[in-house]
PDB file of N, CA and C in Angstrom:
ATOM      1  N   MET A   1       1.004  -1.025  -0.173  1.00  0.00           N
ATOM      2  CA  MET A   1       0.140   0.209   0.057  1.00  0.00           C
ATOM      3  C   MET A   1       1.116   1.387  -0.224  1.00  0.00           C
ATOM      4  N   ILE A   2       0.714   1.988  -0.629  1.00  0.00           N
ATOM      5  CA  ILE A   2       1.359   3.540  -1.038  1.00  0.00           C
ATOM      6  C   ILE A   2       0.458   4.450   0.004  1.00  0.00           C
ATOM      7  N   LYS A   3       1.724   5.145   1.328  1.00  0.00           N
ATOM      8  CA  LYS A   3       0.956   5.980   2.087  1.00  0.00           C
ATOM      9  C   LYS A   3       1.224   7.193   1.826  1.00  0.00           C
ATOM     10  N   LEU A   4       0.537   8.213   1.552  1.00  0.00           N
ATOM     11  CA  LEU A   4       0.815   9.868   1.569  1.00  0.00           C
ATOM     12  C   LEU A   4       1.546   9.997   2.932  1.00  0.00           C
ATOM     13  N   ASP A   5       2.717  11.012   2.907  1.00  0.00           N
ATOM     14  CA  ASP A   5       3.607  11.492   4.116  1.00  0.00           C
ATOM     15  C   ASP A   5       2.633  12.395   4.125  1.00  0.00           C
ATOM     16  N   GLY A   6       2.899  12.727   5.649  1.00  0.00           N
ATOM     17  CA  GLY A   6       2.410  13.802   6.757  1.00  0.00           C
ATOM     18  C   GLY A   6       0.770  13.733   6.991  1.00  0.00           C
ATOM     19  N   TYR A   7       0.579  13.132   6.450  1.00  0.00           N
ATOM     20  CA  TYR A   7      -1.259  12.847   6.529  1.00  0.00           C
ATOM     21  C   TYR A   7      -2.123  11.610   6.553  1.00  0.00           C
ATOM     22  N   ASP A   8      -1.305  11.197   8.214  1.00  0.00           N
ATOM     23  CA  ASP A   8      -1.875   9.771   9.039  1.00  0.00           C
ATOM     24  C   ASP A   8      -3.159  10.126   9.808  1.00  0.00           C
ATOM     25  N   ASP A   9      -2.734  11.539  10.379  1.00  0.00           N
ATOM     26  CA  ASP A   9      -4.331  11.567  10.800  1.00  0.00           C
ATOM     27  C   ASP A   9      -5.530  11.445   9.778  1.00  0.00           C
ATOM     28  N   ALA A  10      -5.120  11.418   8.743  1.00  0.00           N
ATOM     29  CA  ALA A  10      -6.315  11.138   7.537  1.00  0.00           C
ATOM     30  C   ALA A  10      -6.502   9.943   7.245  1.00  0.00           C
ATOM     31  N   ILE A  11      -6.045   9.167   7.375  1.00  0.00           N
ATOM     32  CA  ILE A  11      -6.268   8.018   7.312  1.00  0.00           C
ATOM     33  C   ILE A  11      -7.547   7.014   7.613  1.00  0.00           C
ATOM     34  N   ILE A  12      -8.864   6.745   7.074  1.00  0.00           N
ATOM     35  CA  ILE A  12      -9.779   6.384   6.954  1.00  0.00           C
ATOM     36  C   ILE A  12      -9.827   5.056   7.381  1.00  0.00           C
ATOM     37  N   GLY A  13      -8.762   4.292   6.555  1.00  0.00           N
ATOM     38  CA  GLY A  13      -9.264   2.684   6.569  1.00  0.00           C
ATOM     39  C   GLY A  13      -8.430   2.142   5.306  1.00  0.00           C
ATOM     40  N   PRO A  14      -8.604   1.135   5.048  1.00  0.00           N
ATOM     41  CA  PRO A  14      -8.054   0.165   3.713  1.00  0.00           C
ATOM     42  C   PRO A  14      -8.965  -0.190   3.228  1.00  0.00           C
ATOM     43  N   ALA A  15      -8.829  -0.504   2.028  1.00  0.00           N
ATOM     44  CA  ALA A  15      -9.534  -1.016   0.755  1.00  0.00           C
ATOM     45  C   ALA A  15      -9.177  -1.853  -0.279  1.00  0.00           C
ATOM     46  N   MET A  16      -9.893  -2.777  -0.791  1.00  0.00           N
ATOM     47  CA  MET A  16      -9.784  -3.763  -1.840  1.00  0.00           C
ATOM     48  C   MET A  16     -10.084  -2.863  -3.642  1.00  0.00           C
ATOM     49  N   ILE A  17      -9.345  -2.758  -3.985  1.00  0.00           N
ATOM     50  CA  ILE A  17      -9.996  -2.475  -5.417  1.00  0.00           C
ATOM     51  C   ILE A  17      -9.651  -3.284  -6.783  1.00  0.00           C
ATOM     52  N   TRP A  18      -9.969  -3.797  -7.904  1.00  0.00           N
ATOM     53  CA  TRP A  18      -9.739  -4.677  -8.831  1.00  0.00           C
ATOM     54  C   TRP A  18      -8.721  -3.806  -9.959  1.00  0.00           C
ATOM     55  N   VAL A  19      -7.347  -3.832  -9.582  1.00  0.00           N
ATOM     56  CA  VAL A  19      -6.799  -3.541 -10.739  1.00  0.00           C
ATOM     57  C   VAL A  19      -5.798  -4.894 -11.858  1.00  0.00           C
ATOM     58  N   ASP A  20      -6.888  -4.342 -13.272  1.00  0.00           N
ATOM     59  CA  ASP A  20      -6.032  -5.333 -14.098  1.00  0.00           C
ATOM     60  C   ASP A  20      -6.529  -6.343 -13.329  1.00  0.00           C
ATOM     61  N   LYS A  21      -7.620  -7.084 -13.247  1.00  0.00           N
ATOM     62  CA  LYS A  21      -8.376  -8.470 -12.633  1.00  0.00           C
ATOM     63  C   LYS A  21      -7.354  -9.208 -11.604  1.00  0.00           C
ATOM     64  N   GLU A  22      -6.767  -8.120 -10.285  1.00  0.00           N
ATOM     65  CA  GLU A  22      -6.178  -8.681  -9.607  1.00  0.00           C
ATOM     66  C   GLU A  22      -6.640  -7.591  -8.087  1.00  0.00           C
ATOM     67  N   MET A  23      -7.104  -7.764  -7.547  1.00  0.00           N
ATOM     68  CA  MET A  23      -7.088  -7.449  -6.123  1.00  0.00           C
ATOM     69  C   MET A  23      -6.159  -6.504  -5.720  1.00  0.00           C
ATOM     70  N   VAL A  24      -5.991  -5.318  -5.566  1.00  0.00           N
ATOM     71  CA  VAL A  24      -5.176  -4.467  -4.852  1.00  0.00           C
ATOM     72  C   VAL A  24      -5.433  -3.775  -3.297  1.00  0.00           C
ATOM     73  N   ASP A  25      -4.839  -3.605  -2.266  1.00  0.00           N
ATOM     74  CA  ASP A  25      -5.415  -2.820  -1.369  1.00  0.00           C
ATOM     75  C   ASP A  25      -4.710  -1.621  -1.138  1.00  0.00           C
ATOM     76  N   VAL A  26      -5.268  -0.947  -0.944  1.00  0.00           N
ATOM     77  CA  VAL A  26      -5.258   0.577  -1.055  1.00  0.00           C
ATOM     78  C   VAL A  26      -5.452   1.270   0.244  1.00  0.00           C
ATOM     79  N   LEU A  27      -5.164   2.320   0.768  1.00  0.00           N
ATOM     80  CA  LEU A  27      -5.430   3.144   1.829  1.00  0.00           C
ATOM     81  C   LEU A  27      -6.253   4.195   0.925  1.00  0.00           C
ATOM     82  N   VAL A  28      -7.381   4.577   2.350  1.00  0.00           N
ATOM     83  CA  VAL A  28      -8.224   5.885   2.028  1.00  0.00           C
ATOM     84  C   VAL A  28      -8.568   6.787   2.790  1.00  0.00           C
ATOM     85  N   TYR A  29      -8.461   8.008   2.059  1.00  0.00           N
ATOM     86  CA  TYR A  29      -8.170   9.441   3.091  1.00  0.00           C
ATOM     87  C   TYR A  29      -8.891  10.148   3.377  1.00  0.00           C
ATOM     88  N   ASP A  30      -9.295  10.747   4.169  1.00  0.00           N
ATOM     89  CA  ASP A  30     -10.545  11.532   4.334  1.00  0.00           C
ATOM     90  C   ASP A  30      -9.329  12.765   3.226  1.00  0.00           C
ATOM     91  N   ALA A  31     -10.383  13.371   2.813  1.00  0.00           N
ATOM     92  CA  ALA A  31      -9.291  14.171   2.235  1.00  0.00           C
ATOM     93  C   ALA A  31      -9.953  15.768   3.083  1.00  0.00           C
ATOM     94  N   GLU A  32     -11.272  16.141   3.311  1.00  0.00           N
ATOM     95  CA  GLU A  32     -10.924  16.949   4.299  1.00  0.00           C
ATOM     96  C   GLU A  32     -10.583  17.495   5.748  1.00  0.00           C
ATOM     97  N   THR A  33      -9.779  16.130   5.674  1.00  0.00           N
ATOM     98  CA  THR A  33      -8.905  16.372   7.030  1.00  0.00           C
ATOM     99  C   THR A  33      -7.795  16.409   6.767  1.00  0.00           C
ATOM    100  N   ILE A  34      -7.497  16.471   5.506  1.00  0.00           N
ATOM    101  CA  ILE A  34      -5.800  16.543   4.616  1.00  0.00           C
ATOM    102  C   ILE A  34      -5.748  17.941   4.341  1.00  0.00           C
ATOM    103  N   ARG A  35      -7.297  18.449   4.050  1.00  0.00           N
ATOM    104  CA  ARG A  35      -7.590  19.983   4.029  1.00  0.00           C
ATOM    105  C   ARG A  35      -7.080  20.665   4.997  1.00  0.00           C
ATOM    106  N   GLU A  36      -7.738  20.509   6.257  1.00  0.00           N
ATOM    107  CA  GLU A  36      -7.245  20.586   7.815  1.00  0.00           C
ATOM    108  C   GLU A  36      -5.892  21.062   7.781  1.00  0.00           C
ATOM    109  N   ILE A  37      -5.350  19.926   7.062  1.00  0.00           N
ATOM    110  CA  ILE A  37      -3.435  19.490   7.647  1.00  0.00           C
ATOM    111  C   ILE A  37      -3.140  20.642   6.946  1.00  0.00           C
ATOM    112  N   LEU A  38      -3.797  21.036   5.656  1.00  0.00           N
ATOM    113  CA  LEU A  38      -2.357  21.859   5.048  1.00  0.00           C
ATOM    114  C   LEU A  38      -3.187  23.445   5.655  1.00  0.00           C
ATOM    115  N   MET A  39      -4.101  23.620   6.078  1.00  0.00           N
ATOM    116  CA  MET A  39      -4.272  24.582   6.745  1.00  0.00           C
ATOM    117  C   MET A  39      -3.807  25.043   7.542  1.00  0.00           C
ATOM    118  N   SER A  40      -4.075  24.540   8.615  1.00  0.00           N
ATOM    119  CA  SER A  40      -2.882  24.451   9.880  1.00  0.00           C
ATOM    120  C   SER A  40      -1.564  24.510  10.148  1.00  0.00           C
ATOM    121  N   ARG A  41      -1.409  23.338   9.427  1.00  0.00           N
ATOM    122  CA  ARG A  41       0.267  23.149   9.315  1.00  0.00           C
ATOM    123  C   ARG A  41       0.843  23.519   8.048  1.00  0.00           C
ATOM    124  N   ASP A  42       0.696  24.031   7.005  1.00  0.00           N
ATOM    125  CA  ASP A  42       1.141  24.930   6.273  1.00  0.00           C
ATOM    126  C   ASP A  42       0.494  26.395   5.397  1.00  0.00           C
ATOM    127  N   GLY A  43      -0.585  26.975   6.563  1.00  0.00           N
ATOM    128  CA  GLY A  43      -0.743  27.930   6.228  1.00  0.00           C
ATOM    129  C   GLY A  43      -2.012  28.426   5.146  1.00  0.00           C
ATOM    130  N   MET A  44      -2.155  27.088   4.465  1.00  0.00           N
ATOM    131  CA  MET A  44      -2.761  27.549   3.177  1.00  0.00           C
ATOM    132  C   MET A  44      -4.806  28.196   3.962  1.00  0.00           C
ATOM    133  N   GLY A  45      -4.884  28.939   2.909  1.00  0.00           N
ATOM    134  CA  GLY A  45      -6.751  28.992   2.820  1.00  0.00           C
ATOM    135  C   GLY A  45      -7.213  27.781   2.360  1.00  0.00           C
ATOM    136  N   SER A  46      -8.464  27.756   2.962  1.00  0.00           N
ATOM    137  CA  SER A  46      -9.171  26.445   2.518  1.00  0.00           C
ATOM    138  C   SER A  46      -9.521  25.935   0.856  1.00  0.00           C
ATOM    139  N   ASP A  47      -9.611  27.220   0.352  1.00  0.00           N
ATOM    140  CA  ASP A  47      -9.878  27.181  -1.354  1.00  0.00           C
ATOM    141  C   ASP A  47      -8.367  26.361  -2.024  1.00  0.00           C
ATOM    142  N   GLU A  48      -6.866  27.148  -1.766  1.00  0.00           N
ATOM    143  CA  GLU A  48      -5.881  26.785  -1.866  1.00  0.00           C
ATOM    144  C   GLU A  48      -5.492  25.602  -1.216  1.00  0.00           C
ATOM    145  N   ALA A  49      -5.865  24.900  -0.327  1.00  0.00           N
ATOM    146  CA  ALA A  49      -5.763  23.942   0.119  1.00  0.00           C
ATOM    147  C   ALA A  49      -6.469  23.086  -1.090  1.00  0.00           C
ATOM    148  N   ARG A  50      -8.231  23.080  -1.020  1.00  0.00           N
ATOM    149  CA  ARG A  50      -8.299  22.158  -1.657  1.00  0.00           C
ATOM    150  C   ARG A  50      -7.749  21.851  -3.384  1.00  0.00           C
ATOM    151  N   GLU A  51      -7.282  23.326  -3.942  1.00  0.00           N
ATOM    152  CA  GLU A  51      -6.903  23.287  -5.051  1.00  0.00           C
ATOM    153  C   GLU A  51      -5.205  22.042  -5.536  1.00  0.00           C
ATOM    154  N   PHE A  52      -4.463  22.383  -3.837  1.00  0.00           N
ATOM    155  CA  PHE A  52      -3.260  21.861  -3.746  1.00  0.00           C
ATOM    156  C   PHE A  52      -3.593  20.417  -3.695  1.00  0.00           C
ATOM    157  N   ILE A  53      -4.812  19.553  -2.954  1.00  0.00           N
ATOM    158  CA  ILE A  53      -5.469  18.422  -3.185  1.00  0.00           C
ATOM    159  C   ILE A  53      -5.428  18.156  -4.581  1.00  0.00           C
ATOM    160  N   GLU A  54      -6.611  18.434  -4.997  1.00  0.00           N
ATOM    161  CA  GLU A  54      -6.684  18.630  -6.588  1.00  0.00           C
ATOM    162  C   GLU A  54      -6.009  17.940  -7.536  1.00  0.00           C
ATOM    163  N   PHE A  55      -4.566  18.965  -7.099  1.00  0.00           N
ATOM    164  CA  PHE A  55      -3.639  19.314  -8.600  1.00  0.00           C
ATOM    165  C   PHE A  55      -2.576  17.749  -8.330  1.00  0.00           C
ATOM    166  N   ASN A  56      -2.050  17.907  -6.405  1.00  0.00           N
ATOM    167  CA  ASN A  56      -0.879  17.457  -6.397  1.00  0.00           C
ATOM    168  C   ASN A  56      -1.620  15.823  -5.784  1.00  0.00           C
ATOM    169  N   ILE A  57      -2.383  15.793  -5.554  1.00  0.00           N
ATOM    170  CA  ILE A  57      -2.425  14.656  -4.311  1.00  0.00           C
ATOM    171  C   ILE A  57      -3.801  13.646  -5.775  1.00  0.00           C
ATOM    172  N   GLU A  58      -4.708  14.153  -5.548  1.00  0.00           N
ATOM    173  CA  GLU A  58      -5.714  13.549  -6.406  1.00  0.00           C
ATOM    174  C   GLU A  58      -4.970  13.622  -8.235  1.00  0.00           C
ATOM    175  N   GLY A  59      -4.688  14.151  -8.748  1.00  0.00           N
ATOM    176  CA  GLY A  59      -3.656  14.301 -10.009  1.00  0.00           C
ATOM    177  C   GLY A  59      -2.772  13.281 -10.297  1.00  0.00           C
ATOM    178  N   ALA A  60      -1.872  12.679  -8.794  1.00  0.00           N
ATOM    179  CA  ALA A  60      -0.954  11.930  -9.069  1.00  0.00           C
ATOM    180  C   ALA A  60      -1.170  10.619  -8.673  1.00  0.00           C
ATOM    181  N   TYR A  61      -1.123   9.955 -10.256  1.00  0.00           N
ATOM    182  CA  TYR A  61      -1.064   8.066 -10.139  1.00  0.00           C
ATOM    183  C   TYR A  61       0.215   7.768  -9.897  1.00  0.00           C
ATOM    184  N   MET A  62       0.027   7.089  -8.821  1.00  0.00           N
ATOM    185  CA  MET A  62       1.560   6.544  -7.942  1.00  0.00           C
ATOM    186  C   MET A  62       1.496   5.136  -8.580  1.00  0.00           C
ATOM    187  N   GLY A  63       0.702   4.499  -9.486  1.00  0.00           N
ATOM    188  CA  GLY A  63       0.834   2.883  -9.689  1.00  0.00           C
ATOM    189  C   GLY A  63      -0.483   2.184  -9.253  1.00  0.00           C
ATOM    190  N   PRO A  64      -0.541   1.339  -9.139  1.00  0.00           N
ATOM    191  CA  PRO A  64      -1.717   0.341  -8.880  1.00  0.00           C
ATOM    192  C   PRO A  64      -2.678   0.457  -7.342  1.00  0.00           C
ATOM    193  N   GLY A  65      -1.523   1.297  -6.587  1.00  0.00           N
ATOM    194  CA  GLY A  65      -1.684   1.272  -4.961  1.00  0.00           C
ATOM    195  C   GLY A  65      -2.002   2.699  -4.274  1.00  0.00           C
ATOM    196  N   THR A  66      -2.476   3.605  -5.681  1.00  0.00           N
ATOM    197  CA  THR A  66      -2.842   4.640  -5.346  1.00  0.00           C
ATOM    198  C   THR A  66      -3.470   4.711  -4.441  1.00  0.00           C
ATOM    199  N   PRO A  67      -3.324   5.788  -3.643  1.00  0.00           N
ATOM    200  CA  PRO A  67      -4.417   5.625  -2.476  1.00  0.00           C
ATOM    201  C   PRO A  67      -5.838   6.594  -2.855  1.00  0.00           C
ATOM    202  N   ILE A  68      -6.922   6.128  -2.143  1.00  0.00           N
ATOM    203  CA  ILE A  68      -8.605   6.821  -2.274  1.00  0.00           C
ATOM    204  C   ILE A  68      -8.373   8.028  -1.395  1.00  0.00           C
ATOM    205  N   LEU A  69      -9.055   8.762  -2.235  1.00  0.00           N
ATOM    206  CA  LEU A  69      -9.185  10.260  -1.382  1.00  0.00           C
ATOM    207  C   LEU A  69     -10.901  10.257  -1.418  1.00  0.00           C
ATOM    208  N   VAL A  70     -11.559  10.441  -0.107  1.00  0.00           N
ATOM    209  CA  VAL A  70     -13.009  10.523   0.003  1.00  0.00           C
ATOM    210  C   VAL A  70     -13.649  12.045   0.444  1.00  0.00           C
ATOM    211  N   TRP A  71     -14.024  12.705  -0.095  1.00  0.00           N
ATOM    212  CA  TRP A  71     -14.795  14.412   0.214  1.00  0.00           C
ATOM    213  C   TRP A  71     -15.810  13.924   1.129  1.00  0.00           C
ATOM    214  N   PRO A  72     -15.697  13.598   2.361  1.00  0.00           N
ATOM    215  CA  PRO A  72     -17.282  13.400   2.912  1.00  0.00           C
ATOM    216  C   PRO A  72     -18.353  14.237   2.881  1.00  0.00           C
ATOM    217  N   GLU A  73     -17.730  15.839   3.126  1.00  0.00           N
ATOM    218  CA  GLU A  73     -19.000  16.948   3.132  1.00  0.00           C
ATOM    219  C   GLU A  73     -19.428  17.282   1.742  1.00  0.00           C
ATOM    220  N   ASP A  74     -18.817  16.715   0.459  1.00  0.00           N
ATOM    221  CA  ASP A  74     -18.967  17.569  -0.681  1.00  0.00           C
ATOM    222  C   ASP A  74     -20.456  16.464  -1.144  1.00  0.00           C
ATOM    223  N   VAL A  75     -21.373  17.408  -1.554  1.00  0.00           N
ATOM    224  CA  VAL A  75     -22.939  16.928  -1.840  1.00  0.00           C
ATOM    225  C   VAL A  75     -22.977  17.440  -3.536  1.00  0.00           C
ATOM    226  N   TRP A  76     -23.444  16.030  -4.212  1.00  0.00           N
ATOM    227  CA  TRP A  76     -23.183  15.773  -5.267  1.00  0.00           C
ATOM    228  C   TRP A  76     -24.778  16.247  -6.095  1.00  0.00           C
ATOM    229  N   SER A  77     -25.302  16.880  -6.701  1.00  0.00           N
ATOM    230  CA  SER A  77     -26.575  17.382  -7.278  1.00  0.00           C
ATOM    231  C   SER A  77     -26.747  16.766  -8.835  1.00  0.00           C
ATOM    232  N   GLU A  78     -27.400  15.574  -9.511  1.00  0.00           N
ATOM    233  CA  GLU A  78     -27.704  15.702 -10.615  1.00  0.00           C
ATOM    234  C   GLU A  78     -28.405  16.288 -11.558  1.00  0.00           C
TER     235      GLU A  78
END
């Protein structure tokens, strides 16, 4: 499993996903908690932290064990 450095407090737990017909273990992170970490630790504003996460974490493919980020506070409308 690939672990994101500096964001242990945001780990929700493990998950198993299918990658090329094989089950792979990945870590699941709470993106809202990562945003809070960036704001308190690095002094980012809320929008700046979200943009950082979207570009640098969600946009990074690290191989089959790439962690999953969950935005539990987001509401999707259809």
